[in-house]
C-alpha atoms as a PDB file:
ATOM      1  CA  MET A   1      -0.138  -0.544   0.125  1.00  0.00           C
ATOM      2  CA  LEU A   2       1.354   3.626  -0.830  1.00  0.00           C
ATOM      3  CA  GLN A   3       1.806   6.024   2.199  1.00  0.00           C
ATOM      4  CA  PRO A   4       2.897   9.448   1.802  1.00  0.00           C
ATOM      5  CA  VAL A   5       5.930  10.204   3.616  1.00  0.00           C
ATOM      6  CA  ALA A   6       5.151  12.995   5.879  1.00  0.00           C
ATOM      7  CA  VAL A   7       2.582  10.015   7.751  1.00  0.00           C
ATOM      8  CA  VAL A   8       5.104   7.583   7.992  1.00  0.00           C
ATOM      9  CA  GLU A   9       7.424   9.930   9.140  1.00  0.00           C
ATOM     10  CA  ARG A  10       4.905  11.200  11.692  1.00  0.00           C
ATOM     11  CA  LEU A  11       4.312   7.664  12.803  1.00  0.00           C
ATOM     12  CA  CYS A  12       7.871   6.933  13.418  1.00  0.00           C
ATOM     13  CA  ILE A  13       8.451   9.881  15.854  1.00  0.00           C
ATOM     14  CA  GLN A  14       5.110   9.412  17.735  1.00  0.00           C
ATOM     15  CA  ALA A  15       6.029   5.342  18.232  1.00  0.00           C
ATOM     16  CA  ALA A  16       9.585   6.584  19.442  1.00  0.00           C
ATOM     17  CA  GLN A  17       8.083   8.866  21.650  1.00  0.00           C
ATOM     18  CA  GLU A  18       6.073   5.958  22.621  1.00  0.00           C
ATOM     19  CA  ALA A  19       8.511   3.784  23.313  1.00  0.00           C
ATOM     20  CA  GLY A  20      10.516   6.404  25.656  1.00  0.00           C
ATOM     21  CA  ALA A  21      12.657   8.315  22.950  1.00  0.00           C
ATOM     22  CA  ALA A  22      13.273  12.055  23.463  1.00  0.00           C
ATOM     23  CA  GLU A  23      11.955  14.513  20.959  1.00  0.00           C
ATOM     24  CA  ALA A  24      15.406  15.249  19.785  1.00  0.00           C
ATOM     25  CA  ALA A  25      16.152  11.305  19.404  1.00  0.00           C
ATOM     26  CA  ALA A  26      12.881  10.372  17.984  1.00  0.00           C
ATOM     27  CA  ALA A  27      13.024  13.168  14.956  1.00  0.00           C
ATOM     28  CA  ALA A  28      16.251  11.794  14.747  1.00  0.00           C
ATOM     29  CA  LEU A  29      15.330   8.356  14.237  1.00  0.00           C
ATOM     30  CA  ALA A  30      12.997   8.843  12.332  1.00  0.00           C
ATOM     31  CA  ASP A  31      14.596  10.705   9.205  1.00  0.00           C
ATOM     32  CA  ALA A  32      16.897   7.716   9.555  1.00  0.00           C
ATOM     33  CA  ILE A  33      14.326   5.257   8.865  1.00  0.00           C
ATOM     34  CA  ILE A  34      12.592   7.232   6.062  1.00  0.00           C
ATOM     35  CA  HIS A  35      16.067   7.498   4.245  1.00  0.00           C
ATOM     36  CA  ALA A  36      16.826   3.955   4.370  1.00  0.00           C
ATOM     37  CA  GLU A  37      12.664   3.670   2.812  1.00  0.00           C
ATOM     38  CA  LEU A  38      12.894   6.117   0.289  1.00  0.00           C
ATOM     39  CA  ARG A  39      16.296   4.522  -1.045  1.00  0.00           C
ATOM     40  CA  GLY A  40      14.902   0.933  -1.087  1.00  0.00           C
ATOM     41  CA  ARG A  41      16.486  -0.321   1.864  1.00  0.00           C
ATOM     42  CA  SER A  42      13.540  -1.541   3.581  1.00  0.00           C
ATOM     43  CA  SER A  43      15.474  -4.144   5.653  1.00  0.00           C
ATOM     44  CA  VAL A  44      16.621  -1.299   7.294  1.00  0.00           C
ATOM     45  CA  GLY A  45      13.740   0.645   7.036  1.00  0.00           C
ATOM     46  CA  VAL A  46      10.122   0.900   9.400  1.00  0.00           C
ATOM     47  CA  SER A  47      10.923  -3.035   9.938  1.00  0.00           C
ATOM     48  CA  HIS A  48      13.723  -1.949  11.885  1.00  0.00           C
ATOM     49  CA  LEU A  49      12.192   0.613  14.073  1.00  0.00           C
ATOM     50  CA  PHE A  50      10.729  -2.036  16.276  1.00  0.00           C
ATOM     51  CA  ASP A  51      14.250  -3.468  17.302  1.00  0.00           C
ATOM     52  CA  TYR A  52      15.214   0.253  18.513  1.00  0.00           C
ATOM     53  CA  LEU A  53      11.577   0.716  19.884  1.00  0.00           C
ATOM     54  CA  ALA A  54      12.350  -2.578  21.311  1.00  0.00           C
ATOM     55  CA  GLY A  55      16.085  -1.258  22.967  1.00  0.00           C
ATOM     56  CA  LEU A  56      13.991   2.101  24.378  1.00  0.00           C
ATOM     57  CA  GLU A  57      11.913  -0.858  25.719  1.00  0.00           C
ATOM     58  CA  SER A  58      14.203  -2.710  27.773  1.00  0.00           C
ATOM     59  CA  GLY A  59      16.492  -0.056  28.167  1.00  0.00           C
ATOM     60  CA  ALA A  60      19.433  -1.092  25.474  1.00  0.00           C
ATOM     61  CA  ILE A  61      18.505   2.412  24.227  1.00  0.00           C
ATOM     62  CA  ASN A  62      19.192   5.447  26.452  1.00  0.00           C
ATOM     63  CA  GLY A  63      16.390   7.720  25.120  1.00  0.00           C
ATOM     64  CA  ALA A  64      17.218  10.623  27.072  1.00  0.00           C
ATOM     65  CA  ALA A  65      21.170  10.276  26.109  1.00  0.00           C
ATOM     66  CA  VAL A  66      22.470  13.979  25.713  1.00  0.00           C
ATOM     67  CA  PRO A  67      25.548  13.361  23.599  1.00  0.00           C
ATOM     68  CA  LEU A  68      28.586  14.622  24.781  1.00  0.00           C
ATOM     69  CA  ILE A  69      31.301  15.368  22.031  1.00  0.00           C
ATOM     70  CA  SER A  70      34.614  16.757  22.201  1.00  0.00           C
ATOM     71  CA  VAL A  71      37.044  18.107  19.577  1.00  0.00           C
ATOM     72  CA  ARG A  72      41.074  17.989  19.373  1.00  0.00           C
ATOM     73  CA  GLY A  73      42.753  19.086  16.315  1.00  0.00           C
ATOM     74  CA  GLY A  74      40.595  17.502  13.110  1.00  0.00           C
ATOM     75  CA  ILE A  75      39.332  14.829  15.155  1.00  0.00           C
ATOM     76  CA  ILE A  76      35.158  14.961  16.666  1.00  0.00           C
ATOM     77  CA  ALA A  77      34.933  12.577  19.259  1.00  0.00           C
ATOM     78  CA  CYS A  78      31.445  12.080  20.518  1.00  0.00           C
ATOM     79  CA  ASP A  79      29.790   9.745  23.482  1.00  0.00           C
ATOM     80  CA  ALA A  80      26.843   8.859  22.790  1.00  0.00           C
ATOM     81  CA  GLY A  81      25.668   8.194  26.005  1.00  0.00           C
ATOM     82  CA  LYS A  82      24.228   4.656  25.324  1.00  0.00           C
ATOM     83  CA  GLY A  83      21.497   6.136  22.522  1.00  0.00           C
ATOM     84  CA  ILE A  84      21.648   5.757  19.488  1.00  0.00           C
ATOM     85  CA  PRO A  85      24.218   6.758  16.854  1.00  0.00           C
ATOM     86  CA  HIS A  86      22.033   9.493  15.032  1.00  0.00           C
ATOM     87  CA  THR A  87      21.610  11.842  17.421  1.00  0.00           C
ATOM     88  CA  GLY A  88      25.178  12.760  18.295  1.00  0.00           C
ATOM     89  CA  PHE A  89      26.156  12.195  14.897  1.00  0.00           C
ATOM     90  CA  LEU A  90      23.500  15.059  13.955  1.00  0.00           C
ATOM     91  CA  GLU A  91      24.540  16.984  17.006  1.00  0.00           C
ATOM     92  CA  ALA A  92      28.052  16.712  14.878  1.00  0.00           C
ATOM     93  CA  VAL A  93      27.360  17.962  11.449  1.00  0.00           C
ATOM     94  CA  ASP A  94      28.160  21.034  11.872  1.00  0.00           C
ATOM     95  CA  THR A  95      31.637  20.765  13.720  1.00  0.00           C
ATOM     96  CA  ILE A  96      32.321  18.458  11.042  1.00  0.00           C
ATOM     97  CA  LEU A  97      31.840  21.124   8.385  1.00  0.00           C
ATOM     98  CA  ASP A  98      33.476  23.645   9.851  1.00  0.00           C
ATOM     99  CA  VAL A  99      36.058  21.911  10.556  1.00  0.00           C
ATOM    100  CA  ALA A 100      36.220  19.884   7.032  1.00  0.00           C
ATOM    101  CA  GLY A 101      36.082  23.119   6.148  1.00  0.00           C
ATOM    102  CA  THR A 102      38.964  24.907   7.493  1.00  0.00           C
ATOM    103  CA  HIS A 103      41.056  22.323   7.640  1.00  0.00           C
ATOM    104  CA  GLY A 104      40.142  19.949   4.495  1.00  0.00           C
ATOM    105  CA  CYS A 105      39.453  16.926   6.068  1.00  0.00           C
ATOM    106  CA  ALA A 106      37.638  15.943   9.572  1.00  0.00           C
ATOM    107  CA  VAL A 107      37.857  12.351  11.571  1.00  0.00           C
ATOM    108  CA  PHE A 108      33.846  11.990  13.599  1.00  0.00           C
ATOM    109  CA  LEU A 109      34.109   9.307  16.100  1.00  0.00           C
ATOM    110  CA  GLN A 110      31.306   7.895  18.043  1.00  0.00           C
ATOM    111  CA  ASN A 111      31.224   5.362  20.879  1.00  0.00           C
ATOM    112  CA  ASN A 112      29.043   3.909  23.081  1.00  0.00           C
ATOM    113  CA  SER A 113      25.704   3.688  20.944  1.00  0.00           C
ATOM    114  CA  TYR A 114      23.131   1.145  19.606  1.00  0.00           C
ATOM    115  CA  THR A 115      23.297  -0.140  16.352  1.00  0.00           C
ATOM    116  CA  CYS A 116      23.551   2.165  12.724  1.00  0.00           C
ATOM    117  CA  GLY A 117      20.771   0.899  10.859  1.00  0.00           C
ATOM    118  CA  GLU A 118      21.822   2.306   6.991  1.00  0.00           C
ATOM    119  CA  LEU A 119      25.288   3.320   7.780  1.00  0.00           C
ATOM    120  CA  GLY A 120      24.657   4.673   4.437  1.00  0.00           C
ATOM    121  CA  TYR A 121      22.270   7.729   6.012  1.00  0.00           C
ATOM    122  CA  PHE A 122      25.555   9.516   7.682  1.00  0.00           C
ATOM    123  CA  THR A 123      27.477   9.425   5.021  1.00  0.00           C
ATOM    124  CA  ASP A 124      24.685  10.893   2.125  1.00  0.00           C
ATOM    125  CA  ARG A 125      24.398  13.489   5.046  1.00  0.00           C
ATOM    126  CA  LEU A 126      28.043  14.478   4.642  1.00  0.00           C
ATOM    127  CA  ALA A 127      28.127  14.321   0.137  1.00  0.00           C
ATOM    128  CA  GLU A 128      24.866  16.356   0.437  1.00  0.00           C
ATOM    129  CA  ALA A 129      26.340  19.274   2.010  1.00  0.00           C
ATOM    130  CA  GLY A 130      29.671  18.602  -0.210  1.00  0.00           C
ATOM    131  CA  LEU A 131      31.823  16.314   1.225  1.00  0.00           C
ATOM    132  CA  VAL A 132      33.712  12.959   0.373  1.00  0.00           C
ATOM    133  CA  SER A 133      33.144  10.823   2.944  1.00  0.00           C
ATOM    134  CA  LEU A 134      33.937   7.016   4.362  1.00  0.00           C
ATOM    135  CA  ALA A 135      31.960   5.665   7.334  1.00  0.00           C
ATOM    136  CA  ALA A 136      32.441   1.941   9.487  1.00  0.00           C
ATOM    137  CA  ALA A 137      31.141   0.466  12.081  1.00  0.00           C
ATOM    138  CA  ASN A 138      30.534  -3.375  13.808  1.00  0.00           C
ATOM    139  CA  SER A 139      27.544  -4.644  15.748  1.00  0.00           C
ATOM    140  CA  PRO A 140      27.164  -7.368  17.535  1.00  0.00           C
ATOM    141  CA  ALA A 141      28.547 -10.959  16.464  1.00  0.00           C
ATOM    142  CA  LEU A 142      26.876 -12.123  13.918  1.00  0.00           C
ATOM    143  CA  MET A 143      29.309 -13.533  11.489  1.00  0.00           C
ATOM    144  CA  ALA A 144      31.643 -16.711  11.147  1.00  0.00           C
ATOM    145  CA  VAL A 145      35.076 -16.482  10.211  1.00  0.00           C
ATOM    146  CA  GLY A 146      37.191 -18.664  10.238  1.00  0.00           C
ATOM    147  CA  SER A 147      37.266 -22.466  10.986  1.00  0.00           C
ATOM    148  CA  SER A 148      34.962 -22.807  14.284  1.00  0.00           C
ATOM    149  CA  GLY A 149      31.962 -21.845  12.607  1.00  0.00           C
ATOM    150  CA  ARG A 150      31.882 -19.924  15.824  1.00  0.00           C
ATOM    151  CA  ARG A 151      30.208 -15.737  15.532  1.00  0.00           C
ATOM    152  CA  VAL A 152      33.241 -13.518  15.717  1.00  0.00           C
ATOM    153  CA  LEU A 153      32.129 -10.163  14.057  1.00  0.00           C
ATOM    154  CA  GLY A 154      29.859  -8.339  13.397  1.00  0.00           C
ATOM    155  CA  THR A 155      27.856  -7.492   9.991  1.00  0.00           C
ATOM    156  CA  ASN A 156      30.294  -4.325  10.154  1.00  0.00           C
ATOM    157  CA  PRO A 157      28.921  -2.293   7.375  1.00  0.00           C
ATOM    158  CA  ILE A 158      31.404  -0.083   5.555  1.00  0.00           C
ATOM    159  CA  SER A 159      29.435   2.950   3.473  1.00  0.00           C
ATOM    160  CA  PHE A 160      31.221   6.151   0.870  1.00  0.00           C
ATOM    161  CA  ALA A 161      29.617   8.787  -0.689  1.00  0.00           C
ATOM    162  CA  ALA A 162      30.753  11.640  -2.922  1.00  0.00           C
ATOM    163  CA  PRO A 163      28.790  14.731  -4.279  1.00  0.00           C
ATOM    164  CA  THR A 164      27.612  14.887  -8.280  1.00  0.00           C
ATOM    165  CA  GLY A 165      26.967  18.401  -8.406  1.00  0.00           C
ATOM    166  CA  ALA A 166      23.379  18.617  -9.451  1.00  0.00           C
ATOM    167  CA  GLN A 167      23.063  14.794  -9.097  1.00  0.00           C
ATOM    168  CA  GLN A 168      21.967  12.186  -6.327  1.00  0.00           C
ATOM    169  CA  PRO A 169      25.376  11.391  -4.246  1.00  0.00           C
ATOM    170  CA  PHE A 170      27.334   8.634  -5.325  1.00  0.00           C
ATOM    171  CA  LEU A 171      26.929   6.311  -1.937  1.00  0.00           C
ATOM    172  CA  ILE A 172      27.547   3.175  -1.474  1.00  0.00           C
ATOM    173  CA  ASP A 173      26.191   0.974   1.648  1.00  0.00           C
ATOM    174  CA  GLN A 174      27.361  -2.345   2.329  1.00  0.00           C
ATOM    175  CA  ALA A 175      27.684  -4.905   5.149  1.00  0.00           C
ATOM    176  CA  SER A 176      30.643  -7.576   4.810  1.00  0.00           C
ATOM    177  CA  THR A 177      27.646  -9.725   4.802  1.00  0.00           C
ATOM    178  CA  GLU A 178      26.472 -11.704   2.510  1.00  0.00           C
ATOM    179  CA  THR A 179      23.242  -9.725   4.000  1.00  0.00           C
ATOM    180  CA  ALA A 180      22.179  -8.111   6.759  1.00  0.00           C
ATOM    181  CA  PHE A 181      20.770  -9.886   9.789  1.00  0.00           C
ATOM    182  CA  VAL A 182      17.352  -8.159   9.551  1.00  0.00           C
ATOM    183  CA  ALA A 183      16.647  -9.701   6.057  1.00  0.00           C
ATOM    184  CA  VAL A 184      17.277 -13.271   7.476  1.00  0.00           C
ATOM    185  CA  ARG A 185      15.328 -13.150   9.651  1.00  0.00           C
ATOM    186  CA  GLU A 186      12.324 -11.353   7.853  1.00  0.00           C
ATOM    187  CA  ALA A 187      13.173 -14.768   5.744  1.00  0.00           C
ATOM    188  CA  ALA A 188      12.803 -16.907   9.111  1.00  0.00           C
ATOM    189  CA  ALA A 189       9.068 -14.928   9.953  1.00  0.00           C
ATOM    190  CA  ALA A 190       7.914 -15.541   6.707  1.00  0.00           C
ATOM    191  CA  GLY A 191       9.231 -18.974   6.663  1.00  0.00           C
ATOM    192  CA  ARG A 192      11.382 -18.948   2.926  1.00  0.00           C
ATOM    193  CA  ALA A 193      14.416 -20.393   2.817  1.00  0.00           C
ATOM    194  CA  ILE A 194      18.096 -17.717   1.374  1.00  0.00           C
ATOM    195  CA  PRO A 195      20.066 -18.646  -1.010  1.00  0.00           C
ATOM    196  CA  ALA A 196      23.328 -21.289  -0.570  1.00  0.00           C
ATOM    197  CA  GLY A 197      26.627 -19.316   0.932  1.00  0.00           C
ATOM    198  CA  TRP A 198      24.358 -16.418   2.956  1.00  0.00           C
ATOM    199  CA  ALA A 199      24.716 -18.633   6.222  1.00  0.00           C
ATOM    200  CA  VAL A 200      25.932 -21.401   8.723  1.00  0.00           C
ATOM    201  CA  ASP A 201      23.443 -23.095  11.135  1.00  0.00           C
ATOM    202  CA  SER A 202      24.397 -23.857  15.002  1.00  0.00           C
ATOM    203  CA  GLN A 203      27.087 -26.987  13.990  1.00  0.00           C
ATOM    204  CA  GLY A 204      28.855 -24.302  11.889  1.00  0.00           C
ATOM    205  CA  GLU A 205      27.201 -26.086   8.744  1.00  0.00           C
ATOM    206  CA  PRO A 206      26.359 -24.628   5.417  1.00  0.00           C
ATOM    207  CA  THR A 207      22.460 -23.916   5.677  1.00  0.00           C
ATOM    208  CA  THR A 208      18.996 -22.553   3.460  1.00  0.00           C
ATOM    209  CA  ASP A 209      17.302 -23.057   6.396  1.00  0.00           C
ATOM    210  CA  SER A 210      16.256 -19.472   7.536  1.00  0.00           C
ATOM    211  CA  ARG A 211      15.489 -20.180  10.684  1.00  0.00           C
ATOM    212  CA  ALA A 212      18.619 -22.089  11.512  1.00  0.00           C
ATOM    213  CA  ALA A 213      20.572 -19.478  10.179  1.00  0.00           C
ATOM    214  CA  VAL A 214      19.233 -16.712  12.954  1.00  0.00           C
ATOM    215  CA  GLU A 215      20.506 -19.408  15.319  1.00  0.00           C
ATOM    216  CA  GLY A 216      23.219 -19.971  13.095  1.00  0.00           C
ATOM    217  CA  SER A 217      25.950 -17.476  12.044  1.00  0.00           C
ATOM    218  CA  LEU A 218      26.353 -14.995   8.998  1.00  0.00           C
ATOM    219  CA  LEU A 219      28.871 -15.997   6.350  1.00  0.00           C
ATOM    220  CA  PRO A 220      31.282 -12.708   5.250  1.00  0.00           C
ATOM    221  CA  TYR A 221      31.016 -11.575   1.125  1.00  0.00           C
ATOM    222  CA  GLY A 222      33.199 -13.061  -1.169  1.00  0.00           C
ATOM    223  CA  GLY A 223      35.148 -15.713   1.824  1.00  0.00           C
ATOM    224  CA  HIS A 224      38.289 -14.162   3.408  1.00  0.00           C
ATOM    225  CA  LYS A 225      37.859 -11.176   1.319  1.00  0.00           C
ATOM    226  CA  GLY A 226      34.569  -9.793   2.870  1.00  0.00           C
ATOM    227  CA  ALA A 227      35.794 -11.060   6.178  1.00  0.00           C
ATOM    228  CA  ASN A 228      39.387  -9.544   5.643  1.00  0.00           C
ATOM    229  CA  MET A 229      36.649  -6.065   5.173  1.00  0.00           C
ATOM    230  CA  ALA A 230      35.054  -6.238   8.691  1.00  0.00           C
ATOM    231  CA  LEU A 231      38.067  -6.905  10.580  1.00  0.00           C
ATOM    232  CA  VAL A 232      38.849  -3.078   9.106  1.00  0.00           C
ATOM    233  CA  ALA A 233      35.697  -2.325  10.399  1.00  0.00           C
ATOM    234  CA  GLU A 234      36.334  -3.744  13.052  1.00  0.00           C
ATOM    235  CA  VAL A 235      39.570  -1.694  13.712  1.00  0.00           C
ATOM    236  CA  LEU A 236      38.002   1.697  12.631  1.00  0.00           C
ATOM    237  CA  ALA A 237      35.050   0.723  15.237  1.00  0.00           C
ATOM    238  CA  GLY A 238      37.499  -0.120  18.010  1.00  0.00           C
ATOM    239  CA  LEU A 239      39.562   3.042  17.290  1.00  0.00           C
ATOM    240  CA  ALA A 240      35.971   5.251  17.889  1.00  0.00           C
ATOM    241  CA  GLY A 241      35.974   3.261  21.181  1.00  0.00           C
ATOM    242  CA  GLY A 242      33.504   0.957  20.443  1.00  0.00           C
ATOM    243  CA  LEU A 243      33.498  -2.729  22.108  1.00  0.00           C
ATOM    244  CA  TRP A 244      34.486  -5.221  19.628  1.00  0.00           C
ATOM    245  CA  SER A 245      32.222  -7.161  18.220  1.00  0.00           C
ATOM    246  CA  VAL A 246      32.513 -10.252  20.420  1.00  0.00           C
ATOM    247  CA  ASP A 247      32.479  -8.268  23.289  1.00  0.00           C
ATOM    248  CA  ALA A 248      29.092  -6.557  22.159  1.00  0.00           C
ATOM    249  CA  PRO A 249      25.318  -7.573  23.926  1.00  0.00           C
ATOM    250  CA  SER A 250      22.771  -8.702  21.361  1.00  0.00           C
ATOM    251  CA  PHE A 251      20.936  -5.677  19.797  1.00  0.00           C
ATOM    252  CA  THR A 252      18.193  -8.028  19.591  1.00  0.00           C
ATOM    253  CA  GLU A 253      17.752  -9.422  22.987  1.00  0.00           C
ATOM    254  CA  GLY A 254      18.511  -8.365  26.899  1.00  0.00           C
ATOM    255  CA  SER A 255      18.733  -4.583  28.739  1.00  0.00           C
ATOM    256  CA  ALA A 256      22.574  -3.732  27.294  1.00  0.00           C
ATOM    257  CA  SER A 257      23.836  -1.192  25.244  1.00  0.00           C
ATOM    258  CA  PRO A 258      26.130  -3.027  22.269  1.00  0.00           C
ATOM    259  CA  GLU A 259      27.987   0.128  22.958  1.00  0.00           C
ATOM    260  CA  ILE A 260      29.456   0.094  18.851  1.00  0.00           C
ATOM    261  CA  GLY A 261      31.314   2.009  17.328  1.00  0.00           C
ATOM    262  CA  MET A 262      31.554   4.151  14.051  1.00  0.00           C
ATOM    263  CA  THR A 263      34.248   6.006  12.474  1.00  0.00           C
ATOM    264  CA  VAL A 264      33.938   9.148   9.831  1.00  0.00           C
ATOM    265  CA  LEU A 265      36.131  10.364   7.437  1.00  0.00           C
ATOM    266  CA  ALA A 266      35.053  13.547   5.950  1.00  0.00           C
ATOM    267  CA  ILE A 267      37.026  15.227   3.114  1.00  0.00           C
ATOM    268  CA  ASN A 268      36.839  18.838   1.663  1.00  0.00           C
ATOM    269  CA  PRO A 269      37.072  18.021  -2.269  1.00  0.00           C
ATOM    270  CA  ARG A 270      37.748  21.787  -3.112  1.00  0.00           C
ATOM    271  CA  PHE A 271      41.399  21.737  -0.789  1.00  0.00           C
ATOM    272  CA  ALA A 272      41.825  19.157  -3.850  1.00  0.00           C
ATOM    273  CA  ASP A 273      39.760  20.422  -6.609  1.00  0.00           C
ATOM    274  CA  ALA A 274      36.746  22.683  -7.076  1.00  0.00           C
ATOM    275  CA  ALA A 275      35.256  21.058 -10.148  1.00  0.00           C
ATOM    276  CA  PHE A 276      35.488  17.257  -8.765  1.00  0.00           C
ATOM    277  CA  PRO A 277      32.085  17.156  -7.549  1.00  0.00           C
ATOM    278  CA  LEU A 278      30.433  18.523 -11.163  1.00  0.00           C
ATOM    279  CA  ARG A 279      33.509  15.907 -13.236  1.00  0.00           C
ATOM    280  CA  LEU A 280      32.501  12.639 -11.054  1.00  0.00           C
ATOM    281  CA  GLY A 281      29.032  13.716 -11.698  1.00  0.00           C
ATOM    282  CA  ALA A 282      29.262  13.583 -15.423  1.00  0.00           C
ATOM    283  CA  HIS A 283      31.856  10.247 -15.009  1.00  0.00           C
ATOM    284  CA  LEU A 284      29.443   8.508 -13.818  1.00  0.00           C
ATOM    285  CA  ASP A 285      26.254   9.748 -16.844  1.00  0.00           C
ATOM    286  CA  ARG A 286      29.041   8.247 -19.036  1.00  0.00           C
ATOM    287  CA  LEU A 287      29.448   5.131 -16.901  1.00  0.00           C
ATOM    288  CA  SER A 288      26.097   4.699 -17.204  1.00  0.00           C
ATOM    289  CA  ARG A 289      25.003   5.714 -20.612  1.00  0.00           C
ATOM    290  CA  ASP A 290      27.456   4.709 -22.381  1.00  0.00           C
ATOM    291  CA  TYR A 291      28.631   1.547 -20.189  1.00  0.00           C
ATOM    292  CA  GLN A 292      25.715   0.742 -18.971  1.00  0.00           C
ATOM    293  CA  VAL A 293      27.030   0.194 -14.769  1.00  0.00           C
ATOM    294  CA  ARG A 294      24.149   0.434 -12.087  1.00  0.00           C
ATOM    295  CA  ILE A 295      25.351   3.717 -10.202  1.00  0.00           C
ATOM    296  CA  PRO A 296      25.262   3.084  -6.561  1.00  0.00           C
ATOM    297  CA  GLY A 297      22.838   5.872  -4.783  1.00  0.00           C
ATOM    298  CA  ARG A 298      20.784   7.097  -7.607  1.00  0.00           C
ATOM    299  CA  ARG A 299      17.079   6.187  -6.638  1.00  0.00           C
ATOM    300  CA  PRO A 300      14.727   5.119  -9.670  1.00  0.00           C
ATOM    301  CA  GLU A 301      12.449   7.168 -10.508  1.00  0.00           C
ATOM    302  CA  GLY A 302       8.821   6.308  -9.229  1.00  0.00           C
ATOM    303  CA  THR A 303       6.248   6.913  -5.593  1.00  0.00           C
ATOM    304  CA  ALA A 304       9.445   8.092  -3.892  1.00  0.00           C
ATOM    305  CA  GLY A 305       9.783  11.027  -6.239  1.00  0.00           C
ATOM    306  CA  LYS A 306       5.452  11.667  -5.518  1.00  0.00           C
ATOM    307  CA  GLY A 307       6.223  11.978  -1.396  1.00  0.00           C
ATOM    308  CA  GLU A 308       5.202   8.545  -1.274  1.00  0.00           C
ATOM    309  CA  LEU A 309       6.567   4.741   0.353  1.00  0.00           C
ATOM    310  CA  GLU A 310       5.156   1.118   0.188  1.00  0.00           C
ATOM    311  CA  ILE A 311       4.715  -0.106   2.711  1.00  0.00           C
ATOM    312  CA  ASP A 312       3.606  -3.773   3.883  1.00  0.00           C
ATOM    313  CA  SER A 313      -0.349  -2.793   4.873  1.00  0.00           C
ATOM    314  CA  GLY A 314       0.278  -4.963   7.976  1.00  0.00           C
ATOM    315  CA  LEU A 315       3.407  -3.425   8.785  1.00  0.00           C
ATOM    316  CA  PHE A 316       1.794  -0.538   8.418  1.00  0.00           C
ATOM    317  CA  GLU A 317      -1.238  -1.106  11.214  1.00  0.00           C
ATOM    318  CA  LYS A 318       1.588  -2.218  13.191  1.00  0.00           C
ATOM    319  CA  LEU A 319       3.136   1.084  12.783  1.00  0.00           C
ATOM    320  CA  GLN A 320      -0.277   2.958  14.055  1.00  0.00           C
ATOM    321  CA  SER A 321       0.052   0.893  17.330  1.00  0.00           C
ATOM    322  CA  ALA A 322       3.405   1.714  18.210  1.00  0.00           C
ATOM    323  CA  ALA A 323       2.651   4.906  17.820  1.00  0.00           C
ATOM    324  CA  GLN A 324      -0.438   5.027  19.852  1.00  0.00           C
ATOM    325  CA  LYS A 325       0.392   2.585  22.301  1.00  0.00           C
ATOM    326  CA  ASN A 326      -0.357   4.564  25.735  1.00  0.00           C
ATOM    327  CA  THR A 327      -3.016   6.047  23.584  1.00  0.00           C
ATOM    328  CA  ASN A 328      -5.023   2.332  23.216  1.00  0.00           C
ATOM    329  CA  ARG A 329      -3.428   0.939  26.776  1.00  0.00           C
ATOM    330  CA  LYS A 330      -5.289   4.010  28.759  1.00  0.00           C
ATOM    331  CA  SER A 331      -8.691   3.342  26.617  1.00  0.00           C
ATOM    332  CA  GLY A 332      -8.365  -0.809  27.319  1.00  0.00           C
ATOM    333  CA  GLN A 333      -7.935   1.008  31.389  1.00  0.00           C
ATOM    334  CA  ALA A 334     -10.826   3.036  31.538  1.00  0.00           C
END
């Protein structure tokens, strides 16, 4: 079913506030959820919002967290206070832009937060402001690396974005696993099989059974090459002060924050070539037009341009219910 973007965003804000998020945190989270939906990343869109709501209700997310931000040279450090990562990032954006505008580059290091959801949200925001950026984050361990078959690394996404002049930013956002954990969980809920090579079961054996995969471990894309990229993300997350994936509490159960880390490197292209965004945009146009290359980050024409989202009717009803949770409870007690 189609729903106006504004309606879905308002319901996301209300649901987050009902679960215990302060106004700024609820607005930041809703903005990120809508961004994911508009980019066709529904697995980290509205359906993923409910992980945040559960975290808020359990105490794994501090809905009233006040990020602590400090600046030393070109490094902007943020302690998220066990809140969501979006709040600290948005509070630091102007500082990141100022530092990159003065020195040509800036590094944002954030720790002590809940998981990032769509990492491309952060790099896209900087690309829209004219910066080239690379981000990496970790998550609680979900990926098997090595012969043990045990979870040792998170899905550990990496995202890269660059401005392209009048075009939408060039944007890559991908996990180090063959797929996101939430995608496997969605398949398990629907009773669908998953492709071979995505996961192993709890005994470390390859499986296409999505339910067995949820209890088992995800696999890196491209074998050891994907594992290497996951380790790069792990190192950068550790540099920011995040817990190592194997030490981070689960984001799907319990009341402890996973305390993950995120590092964002931002470069102001004006210090190298003021015309770079336009040159890049023209080059990407040529690759798309003459060589039929799919350009990451470009949204297909469709409902997003009309201010509407395609959303499952059952999921929309669930969102409406979450947005009116306390109201419904009070009505039932009347």
